[in-house]
Structure formats: C-alpha cells, structure tokens
Amino acid sequence: MRLLIDSFWRAAAYCVLPRVMALSLLPLLVIALLAWLFGHFWWDPGVAWLQSVLDSWSWLSFIRGWLQDAGVQGPSLLAPLLLAVLVTPVIVVLSVLAVAMLMTPALVSLVAQRRFPALERRGGASFVASVFWSLGSTVAALLALAVSVPLWFIPPLVLVLPPLIWGWLTYRVMAFDALGEHADKAEREAIMRRHRMRLLGIGIVTGYLGAAPGIVWASGIVFAAAFVVLIPVAVWIYTLVFAFSSLWFTHYCLSVLEQSRAAASGGNGSAPGSVMAASAPGLRTNPALSSSSSSSSSPGPSA
C-alpha cells in the first residue's frame, strides 16, 4: 500500500510538468482528427439509422417523456445522444492506444531518467511485441464492451462494467509498456503475475477517473449544443487521465523492478566467492596453490 500511495502522488506531480502537458496534446490531435472524420462521414447516417430504430420501438415512448420532463425539448435529440453514448467507449479505447503509442515511451524515459538512472535496460519487449500486445488487449476489451452493452440499461451495472473493462485494458497495456524497456520477459511476467491485483486496482481507479468526463457529456441541451466543443475537451481530459495512469504504472512497476533486482543482488552478494564461481563456471582452483596457501596460513609446530 505504501508503494501504491508513493507512486500515486509522484504520478500526480509529474502530470503538471510542462513536458507532460505538451505530450498530452499529441494524442488529442490524433483523436480530434478521428472524431472529425467520424462526424463528417458517419455522424448523419448514424443518427438517421438510430432514429429509424427508435421510431420502430414503441416502448421507448416513456424515455421521450422522461427527457421532456428533464428539459430536453423534442424527441429528435434522443438519437444523437444515444449515438454519442455509443461512440464514447470507442473514443476511450482510442485514447488508451494513443497514449500507449505516443506518450508512454516518452513518459517511461522521463521517469527512468529522473528516478531510476542506474536501472539496467534489458529490453525484454520489442516495439512489435508491444503493438501486438496492445492490439490483442484492445480487441478483447472491445468484445467485452460489445457483449456488455445490453447490461448497461441496468442502472447499477452501467456504473460498474465500463470502468472495469477500461481498467483491465489500462492495466494490460500500461503495465506491459512500463516494463517493456527495462525488464526482461521473465521479470515482466513475474511482476505482472505477483502484483496483478495491485496493478488491476490502479487500472480500475484510473478507469473510473476516465469515466468522470462522461457525466459532462450527458447534459441534455448543453451536450447537444456544445458537442463539437465538448468532445475535444473531454478527450483531452481522458488523455490526461491516461497519462496519469501511465505515470502511475511506470513509477510503481519500475520501483518494484528495482527492489526485486536489489533483493536478488543482495542475496547473491553475501558470498562473493560463490558469485565469482557461478559467473565463471570454467574457473578451477589450482590444488598446489590451494595447499601452499593453506600451509602458509596454518600455524607452525610449537617448540
């Protein structure tokens, strides 16, 4: 728990560094471009399709009445609202990938230079392995999101399932990238297995933090009127949240890696001779030298 808290406040302090703030704009540009492409090519057809589906469902009339009681005039705003809600998980997933691809390597290097300059970089994971790991985890998260969509209409589950899935995805991607450059494969697998629950807890906490901007989005008329403005702002908030999670994972994972290596070297360092023999198995002791050394060190016969 002490290491979790220490990593938490260090990650929060790093988020206000000018370098981190500047890096947070890179994923924002990518996500803004993708959002513009979606709005330009697929927004109107998507709204029209959802509107036709809603018109065919007569049991949704009570939702229209609830929206009118909440101050939303006209049922035509229901389709854009639902489409935005459906697009939100995709934007979140793309934010995770954007942070992992554009920000995480730079953030890991920043933390390593400032806190762990002596930590050996063993390069256990290549860039291709990181990409495939992120893509595989993302596909699994998207499938989980798609399967769980019907459960979102149950009020308690909509507050639990998406953050859990986003937290699991964040844990898988961020922990792997935090250890990819410094730990070898055996160290990375051991840390991710031994600290799985703590790392998953970090992912869930950041998953709930990432879900917070969604409350601003679902604001009736304000959301519909300021959609173009709120989407980039919310994506930037998501980016900062995931940048914070990347820093949190990096501080925690590199601290654990440093402690595990220090413990291993401390255990081996208690017997320097055994370490030398283990590191040079072909080295043999000269018997003559050993016997002469023992005879010279033994006391002579008493007079």
Protein backbone atom coordinates (compact mmCIF):
# COMPACT_ATOMS: atom_id res chain seq x y z
CA MET A 1 0.00 0.00 0.00
CA ARG A 2 2.87 2.40 0.76
CA LEU A 3 4.30 1.85 -2.70
CA LEU A 4 0.88 2.42 -4.30
CA ILE A 5 0.44 5.75 -2.48
CA ASP A 6 4.01 6.84 -3.20
CA SER A 7 3.58 6.06 -6.91
CA PHE A 8 0.23 7.85 -6.93
CA TRP A 9 1.47 11.22 -5.66
CA ARG A 10 4.61 11.04 -7.81
CA ALA A 11 2.45 10.46 -10.91
CA ALA A 12 0.22 13.40 -9.94
CA ALA A 13 3.26 15.64 -9.53
CA TYR A 14 4.67 14.61 -12.91
CA CYS A 15 1.38 15.49 -14.64
CA VAL A 16 1.99 19.22 -14.10
CA LEU A 17 5.42 19.14 -15.75
CA PRO A 18 5.49 21.21 -18.96
CA ARG A 19 6.86 18.25 -20.92
CA VAL A 20 3.95 16.03 -19.88
CA MET A 21 1.40 18.75 -20.64
CA ALA A 22 2.90 19.20 -24.09
CA LEU A 23 2.90 15.45 -24.74
CA SER A 24 -0.78 15.29 -23.84
CA LEU A 25 -1.58 17.37 -26.92
CA LEU A 26 -0.26 14.74 -29.35
CA PRO A 27 -2.97 12.13 -28.73
CA LEU A 28 -5.52 14.93 -28.67
CA LEU A 29 -4.63 15.85 -32.24
CA VAL A 30 -4.99 12.22 -33.35
CA ILE A 31 -8.32 11.71 -31.56
CA ALA A 32 -9.64 15.07 -32.78
CA LEU A 33 -8.82 14.06 -36.36
CA LEU A 34 -10.60 10.72 -35.95
CA ALA A 35 -13.59 12.41 -34.32
CA TRP A 36 -13.79 14.91 -37.18
CA LEU A 37 -13.65 12.09 -39.75
CA PHE A 38 -16.44 10.25 -37.94
CA GLY A 39 -18.56 13.38 -37.66
CA HIS A 40 -18.00 14.29 -41.30
CA PHE A 41 -18.62 10.89 -42.89
CA TRP A 42 -20.70 8.80 -40.46
CA TRP A 43 -22.49 11.10 -37.99
CA ASP A 44 -25.57 11.93 -40.09
CA PRO A 45 -26.08 8.36 -41.38
CA GLY A 46 -25.62 7.05 -37.83
CA VAL A 47 -28.17 9.49 -36.40
CA ALA A 48 -30.64 8.66 -39.17
CA TRP A 49 -30.25 4.93 -38.59
CA LEU A 50 -30.68 5.25 -34.82
CA GLN A 51 -33.71 7.50 -35.31
CA SER A 52 -35.37 4.89 -37.53
CA VAL A 53 -34.65 2.21 -34.94
CA LEU A 54 -36.09 4.34 -32.13
CA ASP A 55 -39.19 5.12 -34.15
CA SER A 56 -39.84 1.42 -34.56
CA TRP A 57 -39.68 0.82 -30.79
CA SER A 58 -42.92 2.00 -29.29
CA TRP A 59 -41.87 1.05 -25.75
CA LEU A 60 -39.29 3.86 -25.79
CA SER A 61 -42.02 6.47 -25.57
CA PHE A 62 -41.51 6.70 -21.80
CA ILE A 63 -37.86 7.72 -22.39
CA ARG A 64 -39.03 10.59 -24.58
CA GLY A 65 -41.40 11.68 -21.83
CA TRP A 66 -38.58 11.48 -19.25
CA LEU A 67 -36.33 13.60 -21.45
CA GLN A 68 -39.06 16.21 -21.86
CA ASP A 69 -39.52 16.31 -18.09
CA ALA A 70 -35.76 16.81 -17.75
CA GLY A 71 -35.89 19.85 -20.03
CA VAL A 72 -34.98 18.27 -23.37
CA GLN A 73 -37.50 19.50 -25.91
CA GLY A 74 -38.24 17.25 -28.81
CA PRO A 75 -37.54 13.52 -29.30
CA SER A 76 -35.12 14.24 -32.14
CA LEU A 77 -32.28 14.77 -29.65
CA LEU A 78 -32.52 11.20 -28.36
CA ALA A 79 -30.78 9.64 -31.38
CA PRO A 80 -27.74 11.98 -31.27
CA LEU A 81 -27.48 11.44 -27.53
CA LEU A 82 -27.52 7.66 -27.84
CA LEU A 83 -25.05 7.73 -30.72
CA ALA A 84 -22.67 9.85 -28.63
CA VAL A 85 -23.02 7.41 -25.73
CA LEU A 86 -22.22 4.50 -28.05
CA VAL A 87 -19.22 6.32 -29.54
CA THR A 88 -17.80 7.18 -26.10
CA PRO A 89 -16.24 3.73 -25.38
CA VAL A 90 -14.55 3.76 -28.78
CA ILE A 91 -13.07 7.19 -28.05
CA VAL A 92 -11.84 5.93 -24.69
CA VAL A 93 -10.19 2.88 -26.25
CA LEU A 94 -8.55 5.02 -28.93
CA SER A 95 -7.32 7.34 -26.19
CA VAL A 96 -5.66 4.40 -24.43
CA LEU A 97 -3.97 3.32 -27.65
CA ALA A 98 -2.92 6.88 -28.48
CA VAL A 99 -1.37 7.35 -25.05
CA ALA A 100 0.34 3.96 -25.26
CA MET A 101 1.75 4.61 -28.73
CA LEU A 102 2.64 8.31 -28.45
CA MET A 103 3.09 9.15 -24.78
CA THR A 104 4.03 6.06 -22.78
CA PRO A 105 7.56 5.58 -24.23
CA ALA A 106 8.39 9.22 -23.57
CA LEU A 107 6.89 9.09 -20.07
CA VAL A 108 8.78 5.91 -19.20
CA SER A 109 12.03 7.52 -20.34
CA LEU A 110 11.22 10.64 -18.31
CA VAL A 111 10.61 8.67 -15.12
CA ALA A 112 13.67 6.48 -15.71
CA GLN A 113 15.95 9.47 -16.24
CA ARG A 114 14.72 11.33 -13.18
CA ARG A 115 14.26 8.48 -10.68
CA PHE A 116 15.99 5.34 -11.95
CA PRO A 117 19.08 6.39 -13.94
CA ALA A 118 21.05 3.34 -12.77
CA LEU A 119 18.33 0.79 -13.58
CA GLU A 120 19.55 -1.53 -16.32
CA ARG A 121 17.53 -1.55 -19.54
CA ARG A 122 17.30 -5.16 -20.62
CA GLY A 123 14.83 -4.57 -23.44
CA GLY A 124 12.73 -7.66 -22.98
CA ALA A 125 9.87 -6.47 -25.23
CA SER A 126 10.24 -5.09 -28.72
CA PHE A 127 8.06 -2.43 -30.32
CA VAL A 128 6.31 -5.08 -32.43
CA ALA A 129 5.55 -7.16 -29.33
CA SER A 130 4.14 -4.09 -27.59
CA VAL A 131 1.92 -3.31 -30.58
CA PHE A 132 0.56 -6.86 -30.78
CA TRP A 133 0.02 -6.96 -27.02
CA SER A 134 -1.89 -3.66 -27.13
CA LEU A 135 -3.95 -4.71 -30.15
CA GLY A 136 -4.83 -8.08 -28.63
CA SER A 137 -5.87 -6.48 -25.35
CA THR A 138 -7.87 -3.84 -27.21
CA VAL A 139 -9.76 -6.42 -29.26
CA ALA A 140 -10.61 -8.31 -26.08
CA ALA A 141 -11.80 -5.09 -24.41
CA LEU A 142 -13.94 -4.14 -27.43
CA LEU A 143 -15.54 -7.58 -27.45
CA ALA A 144 -16.26 -7.27 -23.74
CA LEU A 145 -17.77 -3.83 -24.28
CA ALA A 146 -19.95 -5.09 -27.15
CA VAL A 147 -21.19 -8.08 -25.14
CA SER A 148 -21.91 -5.96 -22.06
CA VAL A 149 -23.87 -3.19 -23.85
CA PRO A 150 -27.30 -4.74 -23.09
CA LEU A 151 -26.36 -4.80 -19.39
CA TRP A 152 -25.75 -1.04 -19.42
CA PHE A 153 -29.51 -0.47 -19.29
CA ILE A 154 -29.48 -1.92 -15.77
CA PRO A 155 -28.66 1.17 -13.66
CA PRO A 156 -26.08 -0.34 -11.25
CA LEU A 157 -24.15 -2.21 -13.94
CA VAL A 158 -23.62 0.81 -16.19
CA LEU A 159 -21.58 2.33 -13.36
CA VAL A 160 -19.52 -0.83 -12.88
CA LEU A 161 -18.93 -2.69 -16.13
CA PRO A 162 -17.38 0.01 -18.39
CA PRO A 163 -14.85 1.21 -15.76
CA LEU A 164 -13.92 -2.40 -15.03
CA ILE A 165 -13.31 -3.13 -18.70
CA TRP A 166 -11.40 0.12 -19.24
CA GLY A 167 -9.40 -0.56 -16.08
CA TRP A 168 -8.49 -4.05 -17.26
CA LEU A 169 -7.40 -2.66 -20.64
CA THR A 170 -5.38 0.10 -18.98
CA TYR A 171 -3.70 -2.43 -16.69
CA ARG A 172 -2.77 -4.74 -19.56
CA VAL A 173 -1.41 -2.02 -21.86
CA MET A 174 0.24 0.32 -19.36
CA ALA A 175 1.93 -2.32 -17.19
CA PHE A 176 3.39 -4.06 -20.25
CA ASP A 177 4.75 -0.82 -21.70
CA ALA A 178 6.08 0.38 -18.34
CA LEU A 179 8.21 -2.76 -18.02
CA GLY A 180 8.90 -3.40 -21.70
CA GLU A 181 12.16 -1.44 -21.95
CA HIS A 182 13.74 -2.24 -18.59
CA ALA A 183 12.59 -5.75 -17.67
CA ASP A 184 13.26 -8.96 -19.49
CA LYS A 185 10.47 -11.39 -20.24
CA ALA A 186 10.87 -13.41 -17.04
CA GLU A 187 10.93 -10.30 -14.85
CA ARG A 188 7.93 -8.77 -16.60
CA GLU A 189 5.84 -11.93 -16.30
CA ALA A 190 6.82 -12.37 -12.65
CA ILE A 191 5.91 -8.79 -11.72
CA MET A 192 2.62 -8.82 -13.62
CA ARG A 193 1.71 -12.13 -12.00
CA ARG A 194 2.83 -11.30 -8.46
CA HIS A 195 1.36 -7.78 -8.44
CA ARG A 196 -1.68 -8.50 -10.61
CA MET A 197 -4.30 -7.35 -8.13
CA ARG A 198 -2.48 -4.11 -7.30
CA LEU A 199 -1.92 -3.32 -10.96
CA LEU A 200 -5.55 -4.14 -11.73
CA GLY A 201 -6.56 -1.85 -8.87
CA ILE A 202 -4.58 1.00 -10.44
CA GLY A 203 -6.29 0.30 -13.74
CA ILE A 204 -9.77 0.29 -12.17
CA VAL A 205 -9.13 3.56 -10.31
CA THR A 206 -7.95 5.25 -13.49
CA GLY A 207 -10.86 3.63 -15.33
CA TYR A 208 -13.30 5.37 -13.00
CA LEU A 209 -11.36 8.61 -13.39
CA GLY A 210 -11.66 8.23 -17.14
CA ALA A 211 -15.42 7.73 -16.85
CA ALA A 212 -15.88 11.01 -14.98
CA PRO A 213 -15.95 13.29 -18.08
CA GLY A 214 -18.89 11.26 -19.40
CA ILE A 215 -21.09 12.94 -16.79
CA VAL A 216 -20.48 16.29 -18.50
CA TRP A 217 -21.36 14.84 -21.88
CA ALA A 218 -24.81 13.65 -20.82
CA SER A 219 -26.17 17.13 -20.06
CA GLY A 220 -29.18 17.44 -22.35
CA ILE A 221 -29.32 20.67 -24.30
CA VAL A 222 -25.82 21.76 -23.28
CA PHE A 223 -24.41 18.49 -24.62
CA ALA A 224 -26.29 18.76 -27.90
CA ALA A 225 -25.40 22.41 -28.42
CA ALA A 226 -21.72 22.15 -27.47
CA PHE A 227 -21.00 18.72 -28.91
CA VAL A 228 -18.16 19.95 -31.13
CA VAL A 229 -16.52 21.75 -28.19
CA LEU A 230 -17.09 19.13 -25.50
CA ILE A 231 -15.70 16.21 -27.46
CA PRO A 232 -12.13 17.63 -27.80
CA VAL A 233 -12.16 18.89 -24.21
CA ALA A 234 -13.37 15.54 -22.89
CA VAL A 235 -10.81 13.68 -25.00
CA TRP A 236 -8.05 15.89 -23.60
CA ILE A 237 -9.28 15.09 -20.08
CA TYR A 238 -9.22 11.43 -20.99
CA THR A 239 -5.69 11.87 -22.32
CA LEU A 240 -4.52 13.48 -19.09
CA VAL A 241 -6.16 10.72 -17.07
CA PHE A 242 -4.44 8.03 -19.06
CA ALA A 243 -1.16 9.95 -18.97
CA PHE A 244 -1.53 9.97 -15.19
CA SER A 245 -2.24 6.24 -15.25
CA SER A 246 0.83 5.64 -17.41
CA LEU A 247 2.97 7.58 -14.95
CA TRP A 248 1.39 5.72 -12.03
CA PHE A 249 2.10 2.34 -13.63
CA THR A 250 5.64 3.41 -14.55
CA HIS A 251 6.53 4.63 -11.06
CA TYR A 252 5.06 1.52 -9.47
CA CYS A 253 6.48 -1.05 -11.90
CA LEU A 254 9.99 0.41 -12.04
CA SER A 255 10.06 0.68 -8.24
CA VAL A 256 9.08 -2.98 -7.94
CA LEU A 257 11.66 -3.95 -10.57
CA GLU A 258 14.40 -2.02 -8.79
CA GLN A 259 13.51 -3.59 -5.44
CA SER A 260 13.39 -7.10 -6.87
CA ARG A 261 16.79 -6.70 -8.51
CA ALA A 262 18.25 -5.21 -5.34
CA ALA A 263 16.90 -8.15 -3.33
CA ALA A 264 18.33 -10.63 -5.83
CA SER A 265 21.75 -8.99 -5.90
CA GLY A 266 21.72 -8.66 -2.11
CA GLY A 267 21.05 -12.35 -1.72
CA ASN A 268 23.86 -13.27 -4.08
CA GLY A 269 26.20 -10.64 -2.73
CA SER A 270 26.51 -12.29 0.70
CA ALA A 271 29.07 -14.72 -0.70
CA PRO A 272 31.32 -13.01 -3.23
CA GLY A 273 33.32 -16.14 -3.87
CA SER A 274 30.24 -18.09 -4.82
CA VAL A 275 29.16 -15.34 -7.15
CA MET A 276 32.55 -15.42 -8.88
CA ALA A 277 32.41 -19.16 -9.18
CA ALA A 278 28.88 -19.05 -10.50
CA SER A 279 29.72 -16.34 -13.02
CA ALA A 280 32.83 -18.25 -14.21
CA PRO A 281 31.95 -21.96 -14.03
CA GLY A 282 35.00 -22.97 -16.04
CA LEU A 283 37.40 -21.50 -13.48
CA ARG A 284 39.07 -24.21 -11.38
CA THR A 285 41.18 -23.86 -8.29
CA ASN A 286 44.84 -24.84 -8.54
CA PRO A 287 45.41 -27.62 -5.96
CA ALA A 288 49.05 -26.71 -5.44
CA LEU A 289 48.20 -23.11 -4.88
CA SER A 290 45.46 -24.11 -2.50
CA SER A 291 47.69 -26.42 -0.49
CA SER A 292 50.53 -23.90 -0.32
CA SER A 293 48.11 -21.24 0.75
CA SER A 294 46.67 -23.46 3.46
CA SER A 295 50.13 -24.48 4.71
CA SER A 296 51.32 -20.90 4.84
CA SER A 297 48.26 -19.83 6.72
CA SER A 298 48.44 -22.68 9.26
CA PRO A 299 50.49 -22.07 12.45
CA GLY A 300 53.87 -23.77 12.73
CA PRO A 301 54.68 -26.56 15.20
CA SER A 302 55.25 -25.49 18.76
CA ALA A 303 58.80 -25.69 20.05
